[in-house]
Amino acid sequence: MNEFSQGAAWIKGQVVPIAEATIGVTDWAVTHSDVTYDVVPVRNGGFFRLGDYLDRFEASISACRMNIGMSQAQISNALQAIVARSGLRHAYCAMVAARGTPLTPGSRDPRDCDNHFYAWCVPYIHVVKPEIANQGVKIWLSEDVRRIPPDSVNPLVKNYHWGDFTAGLFEAKDRGFETVILPDHAGNVTEGPGFNLFSIKGKSAVTPDTSVLHGITRRTALELCREAGFETTERDLPIDELMEADEVFLTSSGGGIIPVSQIGERVFSNGHAGPASIRLRQRYFELMDDPAYRTDVAY
């Protein structure tokens, strides 16, 4: 068996099998969740919108006041190396900037830490299984858990602060739902673990703008909605308004555009994927194969 078939990682300049990839237990990425990352999908042997993911990753590194000492080209080369070594044609590829450990032992000053980069790829991960996504996913709108406020943790910087999402997932799974969407403290919907949300009403498409990551798939969906003739709006989306939608869908690098058939007791599209969501989902996968958006992997 190929030891890289389950994935590969770039650690300290070396490409290793994913099972051998490690970081130190005292790294602040582990002890403080002091890390930022991004994930770019690979489909049919090509990265999708790699430049956009790299730009966001670079902005997140800057916002976290980290310096990993690598250019975008060097990061891109590391991602190319791990996907090529794995041989994966469809992959979930992560790039990570970690705070590291203090160069001065015992220091509690984040400025003393040795920031570093690592990356890894595994076979493509779907946040919702394709057979469920094709039929429309049933999600739970949390009643007990609220999204971390944006003035506590900046949602525009992709991070590992998943305490709220994990609690929400337990709540959803205990009730028989596939995944969860979290509200904020003002009665608006925000996002879920690994995805943004869209509401369609007539020819209008709305997606939350605050307390959410501005996902690259979210950006792609906004472009595809406009292409399909929808008026798009990024703003607060009250729960009551969401429940009056004609259709709802999710967007994620782990699965693209994902139709929603039910939120709690509210059923959409007669319990199936809505027609607009289906078309947008198909169009997204077509776009992933468009040479204008692809960066081929040099296997």
C-alpha atoms as a PDB file:
ATOM      1  CA  MET A   1       0.000   0.000   0.000  1.00  0.00           C
ATOM      2  CA  ASN A   2       1.254   3.492  -0.860  1.00  0.00           C
ATOM      3  CA  GLU A   3       2.074   5.129   2.477  1.00  0.00           C
ATOM      4  CA  PHE A   4       0.981   8.495   1.033  1.00  0.00           C
ATOM      5  CA  SER A   5      -2.391   7.286  -0.293  1.00  0.00           C
ATOM      6  CA  GLN A   6      -4.219   8.589   2.790  1.00  0.00           C
ATOM      7  CA  GLY A   7      -2.562  11.977   2.498  1.00  0.00           C
ATOM      8  CA  ALA A   8       0.661  13.892   2.889  1.00  0.00           C
ATOM      9  CA  ALA A   9       1.989  16.762   4.982  1.00  0.00           C
ATOM     10  CA  TRP A  10       4.662  19.452   4.652  1.00  0.00           C
ATOM     11  CA  ILE A  11       6.435  19.814   7.999  1.00  0.00           C
ATOM     12  CA  LYS A  12       9.626  21.891   8.364  1.00  0.00           C
ATOM     13  CA  GLY A  13      10.311  21.665   4.664  1.00  0.00           C
ATOM     14  CA  GLN A  14       9.850  17.898   4.436  1.00  0.00           C
ATOM     15  CA  VAL A  15       7.005  15.974   2.821  1.00  0.00           C
ATOM     16  CA  VAL A  16       5.878  13.076   5.013  1.00  0.00           C
ATOM     17  CA  PRO A  17       2.922  10.661   5.082  1.00  0.00           C
ATOM     18  CA  ILE A  18      -0.049  12.195   6.864  1.00  0.00           C
ATOM     19  CA  ALA A  19       0.176   9.561   9.638  1.00  0.00           C
ATOM     20  CA  GLU A  20       3.688  10.777  10.507  1.00  0.00           C
ATOM     21  CA  ALA A  21       2.887  14.509  10.633  1.00  0.00           C
ATOM     22  CA  THR A  22       3.276  15.997  14.126  1.00  0.00           C
ATOM     23  CA  ILE A  23       3.783  19.307  15.911  1.00  0.00           C
ATOM     24  CA  GLY A  24       4.984  19.914  19.461  1.00  0.00           C
ATOM     25  CA  VAL A  25       2.582  19.488  22.364  1.00  0.00           C
ATOM     26  CA  THR A  26       3.632  22.881  23.799  1.00  0.00           C
ATOM     27  CA  ASP A  27       3.001  24.728  20.540  1.00  0.00           C
ATOM     28  CA  TRP A  28       0.522  27.540  21.206  1.00  0.00           C
ATOM     29  CA  ALA A  29      -1.460  26.225  18.231  1.00  0.00           C
ATOM     30  CA  VAL A  30      -2.290  23.289  20.517  1.00  0.00           C
ATOM     31  CA  THR A  31      -2.333  24.862  23.981  1.00  0.00           C
ATOM     32  CA  HIS A  32      -4.031  28.158  23.042  1.00  0.00           C
ATOM     33  CA  SER A  33      -5.753  27.364  19.726  1.00  0.00           C
ATOM     34  CA  ASP A  34      -3.505  30.173  18.445  1.00  0.00           C
ATOM     35  CA  VAL A  35      -3.542  29.320  14.787  1.00  0.00           C
ATOM     36  CA  THR A  36      -5.000  30.438  11.481  1.00  0.00           C
ATOM     37  CA  TYR A  37      -5.497  28.286   8.433  1.00  0.00           C
ATOM     38  CA  ASP A  38      -7.207  27.916   5.094  1.00  0.00           C
ATOM     39  CA  VAL A  39      -8.406  25.018   2.988  1.00  0.00           C
ATOM     40  CA  VAL A  40      -8.315  24.862  -0.798  1.00  0.00           C
ATOM     41  CA  PRO A  41     -10.129  22.052  -2.640  1.00  0.00           C
ATOM     42  CA  VAL A  42      -8.527  19.943  -5.346  1.00  0.00           C
ATOM     43  CA  ARG A  43     -10.817  18.489  -8.008  1.00  0.00           C
ATOM     44  CA  ASN A  44      -9.770  16.370 -10.972  1.00  0.00           C
ATOM     45  CA  GLY A  45      -6.116  17.138 -10.320  1.00  0.00           C
ATOM     46  CA  GLY A  46      -6.411  20.910 -10.025  1.00  0.00           C
ATOM     47  CA  PHE A  47      -6.663  23.466  -7.211  1.00  0.00           C
ATOM     48  CA  PHE A  48      -9.803  25.622  -7.375  1.00  0.00           C
ATOM     49  CA  ARG A  49      -9.326  29.395  -6.960  1.00  0.00           C
ATOM     50  CA  LEU A  50      -5.931  28.846  -5.363  1.00  0.00           C
ATOM     51  CA  GLY A  51      -4.953  32.518  -5.626  1.00  0.00           C
ATOM     52  CA  ASP A  52      -8.059  33.600  -3.704  1.00  0.00           C
ATOM     53  CA  TYR A  53      -7.397  31.108  -0.914  1.00  0.00           C
ATOM     54  CA  LEU A  54      -3.759  32.199  -0.698  1.00  0.00           C
ATOM     55  CA  ASP A  55      -4.784  35.866  -0.528  1.00  0.00           C
ATOM     56  CA  ARG A  56      -7.175  35.170   2.342  1.00  0.00           C
ATOM     57  CA  PHE A  57      -4.590  33.056   4.159  1.00  0.00           C
ATOM     58  CA  GLU A  58      -2.040  35.859   3.845  1.00  0.00           C
ATOM     59  CA  ALA A  59      -4.577  38.372   5.208  1.00  0.00           C
ATOM     60  CA  SER A  60      -5.335  36.065   8.145  1.00  0.00           C
ATOM     61  CA  ILE A  61      -1.635  35.679   8.962  1.00  0.00           C
ATOM     62  CA  SER A  62      -1.275  39.453   9.005  1.00  0.00           C
ATOM     63  CA  ALA A  63      -4.378  39.893  11.190  1.00  0.00           C
ATOM     64  CA  CYS A  64      -2.931  37.386  13.678  1.00  0.00           C
ATOM     65  CA  ARG A  65       0.382  39.295  13.729  1.00  0.00           C
ATOM     66  CA  MET A  66       2.339  36.259  12.592  1.00  0.00           C
ATOM     67  CA  ASN A  67       5.347  35.990  10.302  1.00  0.00           C
ATOM     68  CA  ILE A  68       5.953  32.544   8.854  1.00  0.00           C
ATOM     69  CA  GLY A  69       8.774  33.730   6.574  1.00  0.00           C
ATOM     70  CA  MET A  70       7.241  32.337   3.378  1.00  0.00           C
ATOM     71  CA  SER A  71       5.926  33.997   0.236  1.00  0.00           C
ATOM     72  CA  GLN A  72       2.716  32.996  -1.518  1.00  0.00           C
ATOM     73  CA  ALA A  73       4.815  31.248  -4.163  1.00  0.00           C
ATOM     74  CA  GLN A  74       6.599  29.198  -1.502  1.00  0.00           C
ATOM     75  CA  ILE A  75       3.304  28.264   0.153  1.00  0.00           C
ATOM     76  CA  SER A  76       1.887  27.295  -3.239  1.00  0.00           C
ATOM     77  CA  ASN A  77       4.952  25.119  -3.905  1.00  0.00           C
ATOM     78  CA  ALA A  78       4.454  23.343  -0.569  1.00  0.00           C
ATOM     79  CA  LEU A  79       0.794  22.629  -1.435  1.00  0.00           C
ATOM     80  CA  GLN A  80       1.791  21.378  -4.867  1.00  0.00           C
ATOM     81  CA  ALA A  81       4.408  19.094  -3.319  1.00  0.00           C
ATOM     82  CA  ILE A  82       2.068  17.364  -0.886  1.00  0.00           C
ATOM     83  CA  VAL A  83      -0.789  16.832  -3.330  1.00  0.00           C
ATOM     84  CA  ALA A  84       1.587  15.560  -6.007  1.00  0.00           C
ATOM     85  CA  ARG A  85       3.279  13.179  -3.557  1.00  0.00           C
ATOM     86  CA  SER A  86      -0.080  11.847  -2.359  1.00  0.00           C
ATOM     87  CA  GLY A  87      -1.277  11.263  -5.904  1.00  0.00           C
ATOM     88  CA  LEU A  88      -4.757  12.378  -4.858  1.00  0.00           C
ATOM     89  CA  ARG A  89      -6.887  13.720  -7.712  1.00  0.00           C
ATOM     90  CA  HIS A  90      -9.605  14.950  -5.336  1.00  0.00           C
ATOM     91  CA  ALA A  91      -8.218  16.398  -2.129  1.00  0.00           C
ATOM     92  CA  TYR A  92      -8.876  18.620   0.864  1.00  0.00           C
ATOM     93  CA  CYS A  93      -5.694  20.654   1.230  1.00  0.00           C
ATOM     94  CA  ALA A  94      -4.957  22.759   4.325  1.00  0.00           C
ATOM     95  CA  MET A  95      -2.345  25.464   4.903  1.00  0.00           C
ATOM     96  CA  VAL A  96      -1.680  26.430   8.517  1.00  0.00           C
ATOM     97  CA  ALA A  97       0.142  29.247  10.322  1.00  0.00           C
ATOM     98  CA  ALA A  98       0.834  28.410  13.978  1.00  0.00           C
ATOM     99  CA  ARG A  99       2.005  30.677  16.790  1.00  0.00           C
ATOM    100  CA  GLY A 100       4.648  28.159  17.820  1.00  0.00           C
ATOM    101  CA  THR A 101       6.486  27.958  21.129  1.00  0.00           C
ATOM    102  CA  PRO A 102       8.201  30.862  22.926  1.00  0.00           C
ATOM    103  CA  LEU A 103      11.878  31.276  22.078  1.00  0.00           C
ATOM    104  CA  THR A 104      12.270  32.458  25.660  1.00  0.00           C
ATOM    105  CA  PRO A 105      11.268  29.463  27.835  1.00  0.00           C
ATOM    106  CA  GLY A 106       8.276  30.219  30.038  1.00  0.00           C
ATOM    107  CA  SER A 107       7.406  33.493  28.307  1.00  0.00           C
ATOM    108  CA  ARG A 108       3.712  34.400  28.153  1.00  0.00           C
ATOM    109  CA  ASP A 109       4.329  37.082  25.502  1.00  0.00           C
ATOM    110  CA  PRO A 110       2.972  36.016  22.072  1.00  0.00           C
ATOM    111  CA  ARG A 111       5.625  38.192  20.439  1.00  0.00           C
ATOM    112  CA  ASP A 112       8.255  35.775  21.737  1.00  0.00           C
ATOM    113  CA  CYS A 113       6.856  32.790  19.850  1.00  0.00           C
ATOM    114  CA  ASP A 114       8.500  31.179  16.837  1.00  0.00           C
ATOM    115  CA  ASN A 115       5.724  31.291  14.219  1.00  0.00           C
ATOM    116  CA  HIS A 116       5.769  28.518  11.640  1.00  0.00           C
ATOM    117  CA  PHE A 117       3.944  27.027   8.672  1.00  0.00           C
ATOM    118  CA  TYR A 118       2.777  23.524   7.909  1.00  0.00           C
ATOM    119  CA  ALA A 119       0.370  22.008   5.397  1.00  0.00           C
ATOM    120  CA  TRP A 120      -1.456  18.755   4.811  1.00  0.00           C
ATOM    121  CA  CYS A 121      -3.814  17.089   2.367  1.00  0.00           C
ATOM    122  CA  VAL A 122      -6.194  14.146   2.647  1.00  0.00           C
ATOM    123  CA  PRO A 123      -8.828  12.638   0.339  1.00  0.00           C
ATOM    124  CA  TYR A 124     -11.554  15.204  -0.319  1.00  0.00           C
ATOM    125  CA  ILE A 125     -13.795  15.833   2.683  1.00  0.00           C
ATOM    126  CA  HIS A 126     -17.514  16.583   2.333  1.00  0.00           C
ATOM    127  CA  VAL A 127     -19.124  18.491   5.222  1.00  0.00           C
ATOM    128  CA  VAL A 128     -22.325  16.759   4.099  1.00  0.00           C
ATOM    129  CA  LYS A 129     -22.256  13.405   2.316  1.00  0.00           C
ATOM    130  CA  PRO A 130     -22.949  13.898  -1.427  1.00  0.00           C
ATOM    131  CA  GLU A 131     -25.964  11.575  -1.431  1.00  0.00           C
ATOM    132  CA  ILE A 132     -27.523  13.650   1.356  1.00  0.00           C
ATOM    133  CA  ALA A 133     -26.558  16.963  -0.260  1.00  0.00           C
ATOM    134  CA  ASN A 134     -28.137  15.922  -3.562  1.00  0.00           C
ATOM    135  CA  GLN A 135     -31.455  15.278  -1.817  1.00  0.00           C
ATOM    136  CA  GLY A 136     -31.260  18.279   0.525  1.00  0.00           C
ATOM    137  CA  VAL A 137     -29.757  18.298   4.014  1.00  0.00           C
ATOM    138  CA  LYS A 138     -31.724  18.621   7.246  1.00  0.00           C
ATOM    139  CA  ILE A 139     -30.114  21.103   9.637  1.00  0.00           C
ATOM    140  CA  TRP A 140     -30.819  22.279  13.162  1.00  0.00           C
ATOM    141  CA  LEU A 141     -30.954  25.937  14.172  1.00  0.00           C
ATOM    142  CA  SER A 142     -29.457  25.904  17.652  1.00  0.00           C
ATOM    143  CA  GLU A 143     -31.675  26.927  20.545  1.00  0.00           C
ATOM    144  CA  ASP A 144     -28.981  26.806  23.223  1.00  0.00           C
ATOM    145  CA  VAL A 145     -25.718  27.887  21.568  1.00  0.00           C
ATOM    146  CA  ARG A 146     -24.891  31.302  20.116  1.00  0.00           C
ATOM    147  CA  ARG A 147     -22.026  32.113  17.731  1.00  0.00           C
ATOM    148  CA  ILE A 148     -18.914  33.597  19.341  1.00  0.00           C
ATOM    149  CA  PRO A 149     -19.339  37.396  19.007  1.00  0.00           C
ATOM    150  CA  PRO A 150     -17.120  39.004  16.356  1.00  0.00           C
ATOM    151  CA  ASP A 151     -15.637  41.382  18.926  1.00  0.00           C
ATOM    152  CA  SER A 152     -14.347  38.342  20.831  1.00  0.00           C
ATOM    153  CA  VAL A 153     -12.950  36.237  17.958  1.00  0.00           C
ATOM    154  CA  ASN A 154     -12.674  37.757  14.482  1.00  0.00           C
ATOM    155  CA  PRO A 155     -14.712  35.456  12.181  1.00  0.00           C
ATOM    156  CA  LEU A 156     -12.968  36.848   9.088  1.00  0.00           C
ATOM    157  CA  VAL A 157      -9.800  35.056  10.228  1.00  0.00           C
ATOM    158  CA  LYS A 158     -10.268  31.310   9.757  1.00  0.00           C
ATOM    159  CA  ASN A 159      -9.542  29.712  13.121  1.00  0.00           C
ATOM    160  CA  TYR A 160      -9.802  26.624  15.323  1.00  0.00           C
ATOM    161  CA  HIS A 161     -12.159  28.174  17.905  1.00  0.00           C
ATOM    162  CA  TRP A 162     -14.855  25.529  17.490  1.00  0.00           C
ATOM    163  CA  GLY A 163     -16.240  25.304  21.032  1.00  0.00           C
ATOM    164  CA  ASP A 164     -19.559  26.813  19.943  1.00  0.00           C
ATOM    165  CA  PHE A 165     -19.772  24.730  16.765  1.00  0.00           C
ATOM    166  CA  THR A 166     -18.987  21.502  18.614  1.00  0.00           C
ATOM    167  CA  ALA A 167     -21.652  22.183  21.257  1.00  0.00           C
ATOM    168  CA  GLY A 168     -24.106  22.983  18.449  1.00  0.00           C
ATOM    169  CA  LEU A 169     -23.259  19.760  16.618  1.00  0.00           C
ATOM    170  CA  PHE A 170     -24.014  17.693  19.706  1.00  0.00           C
ATOM    171  CA  GLU A 171     -27.346  19.500  19.990  1.00  0.00           C
ATOM    172  CA  ALA A 172     -28.155  18.793  16.322  1.00  0.00           C
ATOM    173  CA  LYS A 173     -26.997  15.171  16.300  1.00  0.00           C
ATOM    174  CA  ASP A 174     -28.939  14.403  19.488  1.00  0.00           C
ATOM    175  CA  ARG A 175     -32.086  15.534  17.645  1.00  0.00           C
ATOM    176  CA  GLY A 176     -31.397  13.539  14.493  1.00  0.00           C
ATOM    177  CA  PHE A 177     -30.173  16.392  12.257  1.00  0.00           C
ATOM    178  CA  GLU A 178     -27.106  16.303  10.037  1.00  0.00           C
ATOM    179  CA  THR A 179     -25.519  19.573  11.119  1.00  0.00           C
ATOM    180  CA  VAL A 180     -26.220  22.901  12.802  1.00  0.00           C
ATOM    181  CA  ILE A 181     -26.480  26.629  12.102  1.00  0.00           C
ATOM    182  CA  LEU A 182     -25.809  29.033  14.965  1.00  0.00           C
ATOM    183  CA  PRO A 183     -27.723  32.265  15.663  1.00  0.00           C
ATOM    184  CA  ASP A 184     -26.095  35.372  17.101  1.00  0.00           C
ATOM    185  CA  HIS A 185     -27.235  37.188  20.249  1.00  0.00           C
ATOM    186  CA  ALA A 186     -29.489  39.553  18.247  1.00  0.00           C
ATOM    187  CA  GLY A 187     -31.753  36.942  16.624  1.00  0.00           C
ATOM    188  CA  ASN A 188     -29.916  36.654  13.307  1.00  0.00           C
ATOM    189  CA  VAL A 189     -28.521  33.501  11.719  1.00  0.00           C
ATOM    190  CA  THR A 190     -24.760  33.319  11.197  1.00  0.00           C
ATOM    191  CA  GLU A 191     -22.927  30.212   9.948  1.00  0.00           C
ATOM    192  CA  GLY A 192     -22.289  26.564  10.731  1.00  0.00           C
ATOM    193  CA  PRO A 193     -19.258  24.327  11.251  1.00  0.00           C
ATOM    194  CA  GLY A 194     -17.445  24.736   7.953  1.00  0.00           C
ATOM    195  CA  PHE A 195     -20.109  26.484   5.896  1.00  0.00           C
ATOM    196  CA  ASN A 196     -21.970  29.707   5.129  1.00  0.00           C
ATOM    197  CA  LEU A 197     -25.729  29.943   4.521  1.00  0.00           C
ATOM    198  CA  PHE A 198     -27.882  31.525   1.786  1.00  0.00           C
ATOM    199  CA  SER A 199     -31.606  32.288   1.661  1.00  0.00           C
ATOM    200  CA  ILE A 200     -33.517  32.579  -1.618  1.00  0.00           C
ATOM    201  CA  LYS A 201     -36.836  34.444  -1.829  1.00  0.00           C
ATOM    202  CA  GLY A 202     -38.187  35.111  -5.295  1.00  0.00           C
ATOM    203  CA  LYS A 203     -35.232  36.498  -7.269  1.00  0.00           C
ATOM    204  CA  SER A 204     -33.362  37.661  -4.177  1.00  0.00           C
ATOM    205  CA  ALA A 205     -30.464  35.810  -2.546  1.00  0.00           C
ATOM    206  CA  VAL A 206     -29.310  36.886   0.924  1.00  0.00           C
ATOM    207  CA  THR A 207     -26.321  35.692   2.939  1.00  0.00           C
ATOM    208  CA  PRO A 208     -25.271  36.838   6.438  1.00  0.00           C
ATOM    209  CA  ASP A 209     -22.461  39.380   6.503  1.00  0.00           C
ATOM    210  CA  THR A 210     -21.486  39.644  10.176  1.00  0.00           C
ATOM    211  CA  SER A 211     -20.274  36.981  12.625  1.00  0.00           C
ATOM    212  CA  VAL A 212     -19.314  34.820   9.627  1.00  0.00           C
ATOM    213  CA  LEU A 213     -16.258  33.858   7.620  1.00  0.00           C
ATOM    214  CA  HIS A 214     -16.410  35.366   4.144  1.00  0.00           C
ATOM    215  CA  GLY A 215     -15.853  32.015   2.474  1.00  0.00           C
ATOM    216  CA  ILE A 216     -14.366  31.606  -0.981  1.00  0.00           C
ATOM    217  CA  THR A 217     -17.233  29.241  -1.849  1.00  0.00           C
ATOM    218  CA  ARG A 218     -19.584  31.911  -0.484  1.00  0.00           C
ATOM    219  CA  ARG A 219     -17.946  34.371  -2.903  1.00  0.00           C
ATOM    220  CA  THR A 220     -18.356  31.886  -5.751  1.00  0.00           C
ATOM    221  CA  ALA A 221     -22.035  31.374  -4.865  1.00  0.00           C
ATOM    222  CA  LEU A 222     -22.641  35.130  -4.886  1.00  0.00           C
ATOM    223  CA  GLU A 223     -21.129  35.291  -8.381  1.00  0.00           C
ATOM    224  CA  LEU A 224     -23.189  32.327  -9.588  1.00  0.00           C
ATOM    225  CA  CYS A 225     -26.391  33.768  -8.101  1.00  0.00           C
ATOM    226  CA  ARG A 226     -25.845  37.018  -9.995  1.00  0.00           C
ATOM    227  CA  GLU A 227     -25.070  35.019 -13.142  1.00  0.00           C
ATOM    228  CA  ALA A 228     -28.420  33.234 -12.674  1.00  0.00           C
ATOM    229  CA  GLY A 229     -30.302  36.536 -12.378  1.00  0.00           C
ATOM    230  CA  PHE A 230     -30.650  36.823  -8.607  1.00  0.00           C
ATOM    231  CA  GLU A 231     -30.199  40.099  -6.784  1.00  0.00           C
ATOM    232  CA  THR A 232     -27.633  39.364  -4.075  1.00  0.00           C
ATOM    233  CA  THR A 233     -27.405  41.019  -0.656  1.00  0.00           C
ATOM    234  CA  GLU A 234     -24.899  40.566   2.164  1.00  0.00           C
ATOM    235  CA  ARG A 235     -26.490  41.681   5.442  1.00  0.00           C
ATOM    236  CA  ASP A 236     -27.960  40.531   8.738  1.00  0.00           C
ATOM    237  CA  LEU A 237     -30.486  37.740   8.157  1.00  0.00           C
ATOM    238  CA  PRO A 238     -33.128  37.507  10.923  1.00  0.00           C
ATOM    239  CA  ILE A 239     -34.282  34.005  11.869  1.00  0.00           C
ATOM    240  CA  ASP A 240     -37.919  34.844  11.035  1.00  0.00           C
ATOM    241  CA  GLU A 241     -36.911  35.955   7.540  1.00  0.00           C
ATOM    242  CA  LEU A 242     -34.881  32.796   6.976  1.00  0.00           C
ATOM    243  CA  MET A 243     -37.868  30.646   7.840  1.00  0.00           C
ATOM    244  CA  GLU A 244     -39.942  32.415   5.161  1.00  0.00           C
ATOM    245  CA  ALA A 245     -37.417  31.617   2.398  1.00  0.00           C
ATOM    246  CA  ASP A 246     -38.345  29.712  -0.750  1.00  0.00           C
ATOM    247  CA  GLU A 247     -35.041  27.853  -0.680  1.00  0.00           C
ATOM    248  CA  VAL A 248     -31.963  27.647   1.529  1.00  0.00           C
ATOM    249  CA  PHE A 249     -28.502  26.348   0.703  1.00  0.00           C
ATOM    250  CA  LEU A 250     -25.095  26.080   2.330  1.00  0.00           C
ATOM    251  CA  THR A 251     -21.684  26.830   0.831  1.00  0.00           C
ATOM    252  CA  SER A 252     -18.424  25.123   1.751  1.00  0.00           C
ATOM    253  CA  SER A 253     -15.038  24.232   0.292  1.00  0.00           C
ATOM    254  CA  GLY A 254     -15.992  20.755   1.519  1.00  0.00           C
ATOM    255  CA  GLY A 255     -18.873  20.118  -0.859  1.00  0.00           C
ATOM    256  CA  GLY A 256     -19.603  23.306  -2.786  1.00  0.00           C
ATOM    257  CA  ILE A 257     -23.243  24.442  -2.837  1.00  0.00           C
ATOM    258  CA  ILE A 258     -25.403  22.203  -0.645  1.00  0.00           C
ATOM    259  CA  PRO A 259     -29.228  22.395  -0.821  1.00  0.00           C
ATOM    260  CA  VAL A 260     -31.192  22.431   2.451  1.00  0.00           C
ATOM    261  CA  SER A 261     -34.502  20.576   2.690  1.00  0.00           C
ATOM    262  CA  GLN A 262     -35.341  21.281   6.335  1.00  0.00           C
ATOM    263  CA  ILE A 263     -34.378  23.553   9.261  1.00  0.00           C
ATOM    264  CA  GLY A 264     -35.805  22.223  12.502  1.00  0.00           C
ATOM    265  CA  GLU A 265     -39.501  21.662  11.846  1.00  0.00           C
ATOM    266  CA  ARG A 266     -39.573  24.005   8.824  1.00  0.00           C
ATOM    267  CA  VAL A 267     -39.579  22.049   5.554  1.00  0.00           C
ATOM    268  CA  PHE A 268     -38.409  23.647   2.288  1.00  0.00           C
ATOM    269  CA  SER A 269     -39.114  22.569  -1.302  1.00  0.00           C
ATOM    270  CA  ASN A 270     -41.463  19.798  -0.126  1.00  0.00           C
ATOM    271  CA  GLY A 271     -38.594  18.145   1.713  1.00  0.00           C
ATOM    272  CA  HIS A 272     -36.249  18.033  -1.273  1.00  0.00           C
ATOM    273  CA  ALA A 273     -33.426  20.051  -2.765  1.00  0.00           C
ATOM    274  CA  GLY A 274     -34.851  23.209  -4.358  1.00  0.00           C
ATOM    275  CA  PRO A 275     -34.589  23.739  -8.134  1.00  0.00           C
ATOM    276  CA  ALA A 276     -32.463  26.895  -7.920  1.00  0.00           C
ATOM    277  CA  SER A 277     -30.119  25.262  -5.410  1.00  0.00           C
ATOM    278  CA  ILE A 278     -29.737  22.219  -7.663  1.00  0.00           C
ATOM    279  CA  ARG A 279     -28.817  24.384 -10.649  1.00  0.00           C
ATOM    280  CA  LEU A 280     -26.351  26.425  -8.603  1.00  0.00           C
ATOM    281  CA  ARG A 281     -24.768  23.227  -7.261  1.00  0.00           C
ATOM    282  CA  GLN A 282     -24.302  21.870 -10.769  1.00  0.00           C
ATOM    283  CA  ARG A 283     -22.893  25.173 -11.982  1.00  0.00           C
ATOM    284  CA  TYR A 284     -20.394  25.269  -9.094  1.00  0.00           C
ATOM    285  CA  PHE A 285     -18.918  21.900 -10.042  1.00  0.00           C
ATOM    286  CA  GLU A 286     -18.733  22.989 -13.671  1.00  0.00           C
ATOM    287  CA  LEU A 287     -16.799  26.064 -12.582  1.00  0.00           C
ATOM    288  CA  MET A 288     -14.330  23.919 -10.644  1.00  0.00           C
ATOM    289  CA  ASP A 289     -13.293  22.353 -13.963  1.00  0.00           C
ATOM    290  CA  ASP A 290     -13.036  25.707 -15.766  1.00  0.00           C
ATOM    291  CA  PRO A 291      -9.368  26.360 -16.705  1.00  0.00           C
ATOM    292  CA  ALA A 292      -9.828  30.018 -15.704  1.00  0.00           C
ATOM    293  CA  TYR A 293     -10.246  28.951 -12.054  1.00  0.00           C
ATOM    294  CA  ARG A 294      -7.874  25.972 -11.945  1.00  0.00           C
ATOM    295  CA  THR A 295      -4.232  25.540 -11.046  1.00  0.00           C
ATOM    296  CA  ASP A 296      -3.173  22.118 -12.237  1.00  0.00           C
ATOM    297  CA  VAL A 297      -1.164  19.910  -9.893  1.00  0.00           C
ATOM    298  CA  ALA A 298       2.204  18.816 -11.320  1.00  0.00           C
ATOM    299  CA  TYR A 299       2.013  15.111 -10.431  1.00  0.00           C
END
